[in-house]
PDB file of N, CA and C in Angstrom:
ATOM      1  N   MET A   1       6.333 -64.266 -66.555  1.00  0.00           N
ATOM      2  CA  MET A   1       6.568 -63.024 -67.257  1.00  0.00           C
ATOM      3  C   MET A   1       7.711 -63.242 -68.246  1.00  0.00           C
ATOM      4  N   ILE A   2       7.593 -62.655 -69.394  1.00  0.00           N
ATOM      5  CA  ILE A   2       8.596 -62.766 -70.450  1.00  0.00           C
ATOM      6  C   ILE A   2       9.326 -61.424 -70.571  1.00  0.00           C
ATOM      7  N   TYR A   3      10.634 -61.473 -70.567  1.00  0.00           N
ATOM      8  CA  TYR A   3      11.440 -60.267 -70.724  1.00  0.00           C
ATOM      9  C   TYR A   3      12.132 -60.306 -72.081  1.00  0.00           C
ATOM     10  N   LEU A   4      11.953 -59.237 -72.837  1.00  0.00           N
ATOM     11  CA  LEU A   4      12.607 -59.102 -74.139  1.00  0.00           C
ATOM     12  C   LEU A   4      13.466 -57.848 -74.111  1.00  0.00           C
ATOM     13  N   ASN A   5      14.509 -57.858 -74.894  1.00  0.00           N
ATOM     14  CA  ASN A   5      15.267 -56.628 -75.066  1.00  0.00           C
ATOM     15  C   ASN A   5      15.246 -56.248 -76.550  1.00  0.00           C
ATOM     16  N   PHE A   6      15.840 -55.128 -76.846  1.00  0.00           N
ATOM     17  CA  PHE A   6      15.814 -54.577 -78.196  1.00  0.00           C
ATOM     18  C   PHE A   6      16.360 -55.559 -79.225  1.00  0.00           C
ATOM     19  N   SER A   7      17.403 -56.294 -78.896  1.00  0.00           N
ATOM     20  CA  SER A   7      18.022 -57.202 -79.862  1.00  0.00           C
ATOM     21  C   SER A   7      17.181 -58.458 -80.115  1.00  0.00           C
ATOM     22  N   ASP A   8      16.173 -58.719 -79.275  1.00  0.00           N
ATOM     23  CA  ASP A   8      15.294 -59.861 -79.488  1.00  0.00           C
ATOM     24  C   ASP A   8      14.208 -59.578 -80.539  1.00  0.00           C
ATOM     25  N   LEU A   9      14.072 -58.346 -80.938  1.00  0.00           N
ATOM     26  CA  LEU A   9      13.032 -57.956 -81.888  1.00  0.00           C
ATOM     27  C   LEU A   9      13.488 -58.171 -83.320  1.00  0.00           C
ATOM     28  N   THR A  10      12.522 -58.216 -84.237  1.00  0.00           N
ATOM     29  CA  THR A  10      12.864 -58.349 -85.646  1.00  0.00           C
ATOM     30  C   THR A  10      13.583 -57.093 -86.123  1.00  0.00           C
ATOM     31  N   GLU A  11      14.286 -57.217 -87.228  1.00  0.00           N
ATOM     32  CA  GLU A  11      15.015 -56.068 -87.775  1.00  0.00           C
ATOM     33  C   GLU A  11      14.055 -54.932 -88.121  1.00  0.00           C
ATOM     34  N   GLU A  12      12.905 -55.280 -88.656  1.00  0.00           N
ATOM     35  CA  GLU A  12      11.900 -54.270 -89.002  1.00  0.00           C
ATOM     36  C   GLU A  12      11.438 -53.517 -87.750  1.00  0.00           C
ATOM     37  N   ALA A  13      11.173 -54.237 -86.679  1.00  0.00           N
ATOM     38  CA  ALA A  13      10.733 -53.610 -85.427  1.00  0.00           C
ATOM     39  C   ALA A  13      11.844 -52.745 -84.843  1.00  0.00           C
ATOM     40  N   GLN A  14      13.082 -53.232 -84.910  1.00  0.00           N
ATOM     41  CA  GLN A  14      14.212 -52.450 -84.411  1.00  0.00           C
ATOM     42  C   GLN A  14      14.344 -51.141 -85.174  1.00  0.00           C
ATOM     43  N   ASN A  15      14.247 -51.199 -86.499  1.00  0.00           N
ATOM     44  CA  ASN A  15      14.362 -49.991 -87.325  1.00  0.00           C
ATOM     45  C   ASN A  15      13.243 -49.010 -87.028  1.00  0.00           C
ATOM     46  N   ARG A  16      12.032 -49.517 -86.866  1.00  0.00           N
ATOM     47  CA  ARG A  16      10.890 -48.651 -86.568  1.00  0.00           C
ATOM     48  C   ARG A  16      11.077 -47.960 -85.217  1.00  0.00           C
ATOM     49  N   LEU A  17      11.500 -48.708 -84.207  1.00  0.00           N
ATOM     50  CA  LEU A  17      11.731 -48.125 -82.887  1.00  0.00           C
ATOM     51  C   LEU A  17      12.883 -47.128 -82.905  1.00  0.00           C
ATOM     52  N   LEU A  18      13.926 -47.418 -83.662  1.00  0.00           N
ATOM     53  CA  LEU A  18      15.064 -46.505 -83.760  1.00  0.00           C
ATOM     54  C   LEU A  18      14.651 -45.198 -84.430  1.00  0.00           C
ATOM     55  N   GLU A  19      13.854 -45.270 -85.484  1.00  0.00           N
ATOM     56  CA  GLU A  19      13.370 -44.058 -86.149  1.00  0.00           C
ATOM     57  C   GLU A  19      12.494 -43.230 -85.205  1.00  0.00           C
ATOM     58  N   ASN A  20      11.639 -43.898 -84.450  1.00  0.00           N
ATOM     59  CA  ASN A  20      10.810 -43.187 -83.472  1.00  0.00           C
ATOM     60  C   ASN A  20      11.680 -42.528 -82.405  1.00  0.00           C
ATOM     61  N   SER A  21      12.714 -43.229 -81.982  1.00  0.00           N
ATOM     62  CA  SER A  21      13.622 -42.698 -80.979  1.00  0.00           C
ATOM     63  C   SER A  21      14.375 -41.477 -81.521  1.00  0.00           C
ATOM     64  N   LYS A  22      14.801 -41.527 -82.787  1.00  0.00           N
ATOM     65  CA  LYS A  22      15.491 -40.381 -83.400  1.00  0.00           C
ATOM     66  C   LYS A  22      14.583 -39.151 -83.403  1.00  0.00           C
ATOM     67  N   LYS A  23      13.324 -39.339 -83.788  1.00  0.00           N
ATOM     68  CA  LYS A  23      12.369 -38.228 -83.796  1.00  0.00           C
ATOM     69  C   LYS A  23      12.170 -37.682 -82.393  1.00  0.00           C
ATOM     70  N   ASP A  24      12.091 -38.579 -81.427  1.00  0.00           N
ATOM     71  CA  ASP A  24      11.912 -38.190 -80.034  1.00  0.00           C
ATOM     72  C   ASP A  24      13.110 -37.377 -79.541  1.00  0.00           C
ATOM     73  N   VAL A  25      14.316 -37.833 -79.859  1.00  0.00           N
ATOM     74  CA  VAL A  25      15.540 -37.134 -79.450  1.00  0.00           C
ATOM     75  C   VAL A  25      15.610 -35.761 -80.102  1.00  0.00           C
ATOM     76  N   GLU A  26      15.310 -35.687 -81.394  1.00  0.00           N
ATOM     77  CA  GLU A  26      15.350 -34.391 -82.078  1.00  0.00           C
ATOM     78  C   GLU A  26      14.329 -33.430 -81.487  1.00  0.00           C
ATOM     79  N   ARG A  27      13.163 -33.938 -81.131  1.00  0.00           N
ATOM     80  CA  ARG A  27      12.130 -33.084 -80.549  1.00  0.00           C
ATOM     81  C   ARG A  27      12.539 -32.591 -79.161  1.00  0.00           C
ATOM     82  N   LYS A  28      13.080 -33.489 -78.350  1.00  0.00           N
ATOM     83  CA  LYS A  28      13.429 -33.137 -76.975  1.00  0.00           C
ATOM     84  C   LYS A  28      14.740 -32.367 -76.869  1.00  0.00           C
ATOM     85  N   PHE A  29      15.762 -32.803 -77.604  1.00  0.00           N
ATOM     86  CA  PHE A  29      17.117 -32.286 -77.406  1.00  0.00           C
ATOM     87  C   PHE A  29      17.740 -31.671 -78.648  1.00  0.00           C
ATOM     88  N   GLY A  30      16.961 -31.452 -79.690  1.00  0.00           N
ATOM     89  CA  GLY A  30      17.504 -30.974 -80.961  1.00  0.00           C
ATOM     90  C   GLY A  30      18.312 -29.704 -80.846  1.00  0.00           C
ATOM     91  N   ASN A  31      17.803 -28.715 -80.124  1.00  0.00           N
ATOM     92  CA  ASN A  31      18.524 -27.442 -79.999  1.00  0.00           C
ATOM     93  C   ASN A  31      19.826 -27.611 -79.225  1.00  0.00           C
ATOM     94  N   ASP A  32      19.810 -28.413 -78.170  1.00  0.00           N
ATOM     95  CA  ASP A  32      21.031 -28.655 -77.395  1.00  0.00           C
ATOM     96  C   ASP A  32      22.072 -29.400 -78.220  1.00  0.00           C
ATOM     97  N   ILE A  33      21.622 -30.369 -79.018  1.00  0.00           N
ATOM     98  CA  ILE A  33      22.555 -31.122 -79.864  1.00  0.00           C
ATOM     99  C   ILE A  33      23.148 -30.207 -80.929  1.00  0.00           C
ATOM    100  N   ARG A  34      22.318 -29.364 -81.535  1.00  0.00           N
ATOM    101  CA  ARG A  34      22.828 -28.426 -82.550  1.00  0.00           C
ATOM    102  C   ARG A  34      23.895 -27.499 -81.949  1.00  0.00           C
ATOM    103  N   LYS A  35      23.633 -27.017 -80.746  1.00  0.00           N
ATOM    104  CA  LYS A  35      24.601 -26.147 -80.070  1.00  0.00           C
ATOM    105  C   LYS A  35      25.910 -26.901 -79.833  1.00  0.00           C
ATOM    106  N   TYR A  36      25.825 -28.139 -79.360  1.00  0.00           N
ATOM    107  CA  TYR A  36      27.019 -28.959 -79.115  1.00  0.00           C
ATOM    108  C   TYR A  36      27.781 -29.200 -80.414  1.00  0.00           C
ATOM    109  N   VAL A  37      27.057 -29.481 -81.488  1.00  0.00           N
ATOM    110  CA  VAL A  37      27.678 -29.738 -82.796  1.00  0.00           C
ATOM    111  C   VAL A  37      28.442 -28.505 -83.275  1.00  0.00           C
ATOM    112  N   ARG A  38      27.837 -27.336 -83.122  1.00  0.00           N
ATOM    113  CA  ARG A  38      28.515 -26.098 -83.544  1.00  0.00           C
ATOM    114  C   ARG A  38      29.798 -25.862 -82.744  1.00  0.00           C
ATOM    115  N   GLU A  39      29.747 -26.124 -81.447  1.00  0.00           N
ATOM    116  CA  GLU A  39      30.901 -25.862 -80.586  1.00  0.00           C
ATOM    117  C   GLU A  39      32.013 -26.891 -80.766  1.00  0.00           C
ATOM    118  N   ASN A  40      31.654 -28.123 -81.120  1.00  0.00           N
ATOM    119  CA  ASN A  40      32.646 -29.199 -81.166  1.00  0.00           C
ATOM    120  C   ASN A  40      32.888 -29.745 -82.565  1.00  0.00           C
ATOM    121  N   TYR A  41      32.305 -29.129 -83.572  1.00  0.00           N
ATOM    122  CA  TYR A  41      32.538 -29.514 -84.966  1.00  0.00           C
ATOM    123  C   TYR A  41      32.296 -31.003 -85.216  1.00  0.00           C
ATOM    124  N   THR A  42      31.182 -31.495 -84.744  1.00  0.00           N
ATOM    125  CA  THR A  42      30.810 -32.888 -84.984  1.00  0.00           C
ATOM    126  C   THR A  42      29.612 -32.931 -85.926  1.00  0.00           C
ATOM    127  N   CYS A  43      29.156 -34.119 -86.243  1.00  0.00           N
ATOM    128  CA  CYS A  43      28.061 -34.314 -87.193  1.00  0.00           C
ATOM    129  C   CYS A  43      26.728 -34.440 -86.435  1.00  0.00           C
ATOM    130  N   PHE A  44      25.750 -33.643 -86.822  1.00  0.00           N
ATOM    131  CA  PHE A  44      24.442 -33.657 -86.162  1.00  0.00           C
ATOM    132  C   PHE A  44      23.778 -35.023 -86.285  1.00  0.00           C
ATOM    133  N   LYS A  45      23.809 -35.585 -87.481  1.00  0.00           N
ATOM    134  CA  LYS A  45      23.151 -36.876 -87.721  1.00  0.00           C
ATOM    135  C   LYS A  45      23.749 -37.969 -86.833  1.00  0.00           C
ATOM    136  N   THR A  46      25.061 -37.996 -86.729  1.00  0.00           N
ATOM    137  CA  THR A  46      25.737 -38.988 -85.892  1.00  0.00           C
ATOM    138  C   THR A  46      25.361 -38.812 -84.428  1.00  0.00           C
ATOM    139  N   MET A  47      25.328 -37.579 -83.970  1.00  0.00           N
ATOM    140  CA  MET A  47      24.974 -37.315 -82.574  1.00  0.00           C
ATOM    141  C   MET A  47      23.547 -37.759 -82.277  1.00  0.00           C
ATOM    142  N   VAL A  48      22.628 -37.494 -83.198  1.00  0.00           N
ATOM    143  CA  VAL A  48      21.235 -37.896 -82.998  1.00  0.00           C
ATOM    144  C   VAL A  48      21.130 -39.416 -82.957  1.00  0.00           C
ATOM    145  N   GLU A  49      21.845 -40.105 -83.842  1.00  0.00           N
ATOM    146  CA  GLU A  49      21.810 -41.568 -83.855  1.00  0.00           C
ATOM    147  C   GLU A  49      22.341 -42.152 -82.549  1.00  0.00           C
ATOM    148  N   GLU A  50      23.434 -41.598 -82.037  1.00  0.00           N
ATOM    149  CA  GLU A  50      23.993 -42.085 -80.782  1.00  0.00           C
ATOM    150  C   GLU A  50      23.036 -41.851 -79.620  1.00  0.00           C
ATOM    151  N   GLU A  51      22.447 -40.668 -79.582  1.00  0.00           N
ATOM    152  CA  GLU A  51      21.502 -40.356 -78.508  1.00  0.00           C
ATOM    153  C   GLU A  51      20.227 -41.184 -78.641  1.00  0.00           C
ATOM    154  N   ALA A  52      19.818 -41.483 -79.863  1.00  0.00           N
ATOM    155  CA  ALA A  52      18.621 -42.300 -80.087  1.00  0.00           C
ATOM    156  C   ALA A  52      18.829 -43.706 -79.550  1.00  0.00           C
ATOM    157  N   LEU A  53      20.024 -44.258 -79.734  1.00  0.00           N
ATOM    158  CA  LEU A  53      20.324 -45.586 -79.186  1.00  0.00           C
ATOM    159  C   LEU A  53      20.279 -45.568 -77.663  1.00  0.00           C
ATOM    160  N   ARG A  54      20.830 -44.528 -77.063  1.00  0.00           N
ATOM    161  CA  ARG A  54      20.778 -44.411 -75.603  1.00  0.00           C
ATOM    162  C   ARG A  54      19.332 -44.218 -75.141  1.00  0.00           C
ATOM    163  N   ASN A  55      18.590 -43.462 -75.906  1.00  0.00           N
ATOM    164  CA  ASN A  55      17.202 -43.155 -75.563  1.00  0.00           C
ATOM    165  C   ASN A  55      16.325 -44.410 -75.551  1.00  0.00           C
ATOM    166  N   LEU A  56      16.645 -45.391 -76.377  1.00  0.00           N
ATOM    167  CA  LEU A  56      15.857 -46.629 -76.424  1.00  0.00           C
ATOM    168  C   LEU A  56      15.798 -47.317 -75.067  1.00  0.00           C
ATOM    169  N   TYR A  57      16.854 -47.196 -74.290  1.00  0.00           N
ATOM    170  CA  TYR A  57      16.893 -47.859 -72.988  1.00  0.00           C
ATOM    171  C   TYR A  57      16.023 -47.157 -71.954  1.00  0.00           C
ATOM    172  N   SER A  58      15.511 -45.975 -72.266  1.00  0.00           N
ATOM    173  CA  SER A  58      14.599 -45.288 -71.336  1.00  0.00           C
ATOM    174  C   SER A  58      13.141 -45.628 -71.650  1.00  0.00           C
ATOM    175  N   TYR A  59      12.889 -46.329 -72.734  1.00  0.00           N
ATOM    176  CA  TYR A  59      11.526 -46.697 -73.103  1.00  0.00           C
ATOM    177  C   TYR A  59      11.046 -47.911 -72.315  1.00  0.00           C
ATOM    178  N   THR A  60       9.753 -47.959 -72.084  1.00  0.00           N
ATOM    179  CA  THR A  60       9.117 -49.130 -71.522  1.00  0.00           C
ATOM    180  C   THR A  60       8.309 -49.751 -72.664  1.00  0.00           C
ATOM    181  N   PHE A  61       8.645 -50.979 -73.017  1.00  0.00           N
ATOM    182  CA  PHE A  61       7.995 -51.635 -74.138  1.00  0.00           C
ATOM    183  C   PHE A  61       6.826 -52.491 -73.631  1.00  0.00           C
ATOM    184  N   ILE A  62       5.718 -52.397 -74.327  1.00  0.00           N
ATOM    185  CA  ILE A  62       4.544 -53.207 -74.024  1.00  0.00           C
ATOM    186  C   ILE A  62       4.172 -53.970 -75.293  1.00  0.00           C
ATOM    187  N   PHE A  63       4.042 -55.275 -75.165  1.00  0.00           N
ATOM    188  CA  PHE A  63       3.746 -56.104 -76.320  1.00  0.00           C
ATOM    189  C   PHE A  63       2.403 -56.797 -76.112  1.00  0.00           C
ATOM    190  N   ASN A  64       1.625 -56.840 -77.160  1.00  0.00           N
ATOM    191  CA  ASN A  64       0.390 -57.631 -77.166  1.00  0.00           C
ATOM    192  C   ASN A  64       0.691 -58.943 -77.850  1.00  0.00           C
ATOM    193  N   ILE A  65       0.446 -60.018 -77.143  1.00  0.00           N
ATOM    194  CA  ILE A  65       0.742 -61.347 -77.701  1.00  0.00           C
ATOM    195  C   ILE A  65      -0.552 -62.098 -77.900  1.00  0.00           C
TER     196      ILE A  65
END
């Protein structure tokens, strides 16, 4: 069995997965993040990016070789 992690992927694949993760985070947690941003005066885009990186570790990757 071969184990890969996110950093083993090409830059293009990493960017594609990160964009998918951002969309996933916004869909799942967008309202909660917006509420947190309003209360703590932070940047929505930055919060989504940070959560998207954390979200990547909850994915199960399947590769066809």
